């Protein structure tokens, strides 16, 4: 009953007067505490090393500078790793090239030796061919005579060719 009790009027008056103070305290205490915690989680601080307050721009520039230094450091590390890998790969490729050149020289020597052997066999075959042609011509000229000495040298050449 409002006629007998002033509680409702007192309550409304106290709430209206103190509402502004309540809002201000909520903002300064709770919101600023929340804001500071969130900024610290992101890595930003309101105060510097001398306990003076830093603006957002100074904090941003400091963080950006720190980040760029980290990026440059990592970039240099990656460059060094790349150079090292290139050097290792070059060494592997040079070794492979050296092995290929050795193999090529070996095969070239074998080919040269085979050519010499084949040239010798060719020369012997041509001599044998000429000898056979001479025997054929002699046989046509002198049909009844024997050529044992010529055939003996022919047998010697065949034995040589089989070696």
Protein backbone atom coordinates (compact mmCIF):
# COMPACT_ATOMS: atom_id res chain seq x y z
CA UNK A 1 0.00 0.00 0.00
CA UNK A 2 1.63 3.26 -1.14
CA UNK A 3 -0.38 5.34 1.29
CA UNK A 4 1.28 3.70 4.26
CA UNK A 5 4.75 2.80 2.81
CA UNK A 6 7.37 4.85 0.98
CA UNK A 7 9.47 1.84 -0.03
CA UNK A 8 8.46 1.86 -3.68
CA UNK A 9 9.22 5.57 -4.04
CA UNK A 10 12.55 5.26 -2.21
CA UNK A 11 13.54 2.29 -4.36
CA UNK A 12 12.76 4.14 -7.60
CA UNK A 13 14.63 7.20 -6.43
CA UNK A 14 17.73 5.23 -5.38
CA UNK A 15 17.74 3.24 -8.60
CA UNK A 16 17.39 6.33 -10.79
CA UNK A 17 20.14 8.21 -8.96
CA UNK A 18 22.58 5.30 -8.75
CA UNK A 19 21.84 3.83 -12.18
CA UNK A 20 24.36 6.14 -13.87
CA UNK A 21 27.04 5.24 -11.33
CA UNK A 22 26.26 1.54 -11.83
CA UNK A 23 26.64 1.91 -15.60
CA UNK A 24 29.92 3.78 -15.27
CA UNK A 25 31.39 1.26 -12.84
CA UNK A 26 30.29 -1.63 -15.03
CA UNK A 27 32.00 -0.02 -17.98
CA UNK A 28 35.23 0.89 -16.22
CA UNK A 29 35.67 -2.26 -14.18
CA UNK A 30 34.12 -5.14 -16.04
CA UNK A 31 34.35 -4.04 -19.68
CA UNK A 32 37.89 -2.68 -19.37
CA UNK A 33 38.99 -5.86 -17.59
CA UNK A 34 37.37 -7.94 -20.36
CA UNK A 35 38.95 -5.75 -23.06
CA UNK A 36 42.41 -5.96 -21.48
CA UNK A 37 42.20 -9.77 -21.17
CA UNK A 38 41.13 -10.14 -24.82
CA UNK A 39 43.95 -7.87 -26.03
CA UNK A 40 46.49 -9.80 -23.98
CA UNK A 41 45.20 -13.05 -25.49
CA UNK A 42 45.84 -11.52 -28.92
CA UNK A 43 49.33 -10.51 -27.79
CA UNK A 44 48.69 -6.82 -27.34
CA UNK A 45 49.31 -4.91 -24.12
CA UNK A 46 48.09 -1.50 -22.99
CA UNK A 47 51.30 -0.63 -21.16
CA UNK A 48 54.88 -0.58 -22.37
CA UNK A 49 58.09 -1.55 -20.59
CA UNK A 50 58.12 1.68 -18.55
CA UNK A 51 54.52 1.11 -17.42
CA UNK A 52 53.29 3.94 -19.61
CA UNK A 53 50.18 3.38 -21.68
CA UNK A 54 50.69 2.61 -25.34
CA UNK A 55 48.22 3.47 -28.01
CA UNK A 56 46.87 0.88 -30.37
CA UNK A 57 49.00 2.23 -33.23
CA UNK A 58 52.26 1.88 -31.26
CA UNK A 59 51.31 -1.62 -30.14
CA UNK A 60 50.40 -2.54 -33.71
CA UNK A 61 53.70 -1.18 -35.06
CA UNK A 62 55.69 -3.07 -32.42
CA UNK A 63 53.87 -6.31 -33.20
CA UNK A 64 54.26 -5.73 -36.94
CA UNK A 65 57.99 -5.08 -36.56
CA UNK A 66 58.37 -8.25 -34.47
CA UNK A 67 56.41 -10.25 -37.04
CA UNK A 68 58.44 -8.90 -39.97
CA UNK A 69 61.69 -9.76 -38.17
CA UNK A 70 60.38 -13.28 -37.65
CA UNK A 71 59.38 -13.53 -41.32
CA UNK A 72 62.82 -12.34 -42.46
CA UNK A 73 64.53 -14.80 -40.13
CA UNK A 74 62.42 -17.71 -41.41
CA UNK A 75 62.97 -16.58 -45.00
CA UNK A 76 66.73 -16.58 -44.46
CA UNK A 77 66.55 -20.06 -42.88
CA UNK A 78 64.56 -21.32 -45.88
CA UNK A 79 67.06 -19.73 -48.27
CA UNK A 80 69.94 -21.43 -46.45
CA UNK A 81 68.14 -24.79 -46.54
CA UNK A 82 67.45 -24.33 -50.24
CA UNK A 83 71.09 -23.50 -50.97
CA UNK A 84 72.19 -26.53 -48.97
CA UNK A 85 69.80 -28.82 -50.85
CA UNK A 86 70.96 -27.40 -54.18
CA UNK A 87 74.58 -28.06 -53.23
CA UNK A 88 73.75 -31.62 -52.19
CA UNK A 89 71.84 -32.22 -55.42
CA UNK A 90 74.71 -30.77 -57.48
CA UNK A 91 77.14 -33.11 -55.73
CA UNK A 92 74.89 -36.09 -56.45
CA UNK A 93 74.52 -35.06 -60.09
CA UNK A 94 78.26 -34.51 -60.51
CA UNK A 95 78.94 -37.95 -59.07
CA UNK A 96 76.38 -39.47 -61.44
CA UNK A 97 77.96 -37.57 -64.34
CA UNK A 98 81.39 -38.84 -63.34
CA UNK A 99 80.09 -42.42 -63.23
CA UNK A 100 78.46 -42.00 -66.65
CA UNK A 101 81.67 -40.59 -68.12
CA UNK A 102 83.68 -43.50 -66.68
CA UNK A 103 81.18 -45.96 -68.11
CA UNK A 104 81.30 -44.15 -71.47
CA UNK A 105 85.10 -44.29 -71.56
CA UNK A 106 85.05 -47.97 -70.65
CA UNK A 107 82.53 -48.75 -73.38
CA UNK A 108 84.46 -46.64 -75.87
CA UNK A 109 87.64 -48.60 -75.11
CA UNK A 110 85.76 -51.88 -75.48
CA UNK A 111 84.32 -50.69 -78.78
CA UNK A 112 87.77 -49.65 -79.99
CA UNK A 113 89.19 -53.05 -79.04
CA UNK A 114 86.29 -54.81 -80.79
CA UNK A 115 86.85 -52.69 -83.91
CA UNK A 116 90.53 -53.61 -83.96
CA UNK A 117 89.65 -57.30 -83.62
CA UNK A 118 87.00 -57.02 -86.32
CA UNK A 119 89.40 -55.18 -88.65
CA UNK A 120 91.96 -57.94 -88.13
CA UNK A 121 89.34 -60.61 -88.82
CA UNK A 122 88.19 -58.68 -91.88
CA UNK A 123 91.77 -58.44 -93.14
CA UNK A 124 92.25 -62.18 -92.60
CA UNK A 125 88.96 -62.98 -94.32
CA UNK A 126 89.92 -60.81 -97.27
CA UNK A 127 93.26 -62.57 -97.47
CA UNK A 128 91.48 -65.92 -97.32
CA UNK A 129 89.04 -64.76 -99.96
CA UNK A 130 91.91 -63.68 -102.21
CA UNK A 131 93.65 -67.00 -101.58
CA UNK A 132 90.49 -68.91 -102.44
CA UNK A 133 90.08 -66.87 -105.61
CA UNK A 134 93.69 -67.62 -106.49
CA UNK A 135 93.11 -71.33 -105.84
CA UNK A 136 89.98 -71.23 -107.96
CA UNK A 137 91.82 -69.48 -110.79
CA UNK A 138 94.71 -71.96 -110.53
CA UNK A 139 92.31 -74.89 -110.46
CA UNK A 140 90.66 -73.62 -113.60
CA UNK A 141 94.06 -73.19 -115.28
CA UNK A 142 95.59 -76.47 -114.08
CA UNK A 143 92.73 -78.84 -113.39
CA UNK A 144 94.75 -81.96 -112.53
CA UNK A 145 97.38 -80.66 -110.09
CA UNK A 146 97.18 -80.82 -106.25
CA UNK A 147 97.44 -77.80 -103.99
CA UNK A 148 98.16 -79.32 -100.60
CA UNK A 149 100.55 -76.56 -99.53
CA UNK A 150 97.94 -73.87 -100.23
CA UNK A 151 95.17 -75.75 -98.39
CA UNK A 152 97.46 -76.23 -95.36
CA UNK A 153 97.91 -72.48 -95.00
CA UNK A 154 94.15 -72.14 -95.38
CA UNK A 155 93.61 -74.56 -92.47
CA UNK A 156 96.04 -72.55 -90.33
CA UNK A 157 94.08 -69.39 -91.01
CA UNK A 158 90.76 -71.06 -90.09
CA UNK A 159 92.24 -72.23 -86.78
CA UNK A 160 93.44 -68.67 -86.11
CA UNK A 161 90.01 -67.22 -86.90
CA UNK A 162 88.30 -69.53 -84.44
CA UNK A 163 90.47 -68.24 -81.56
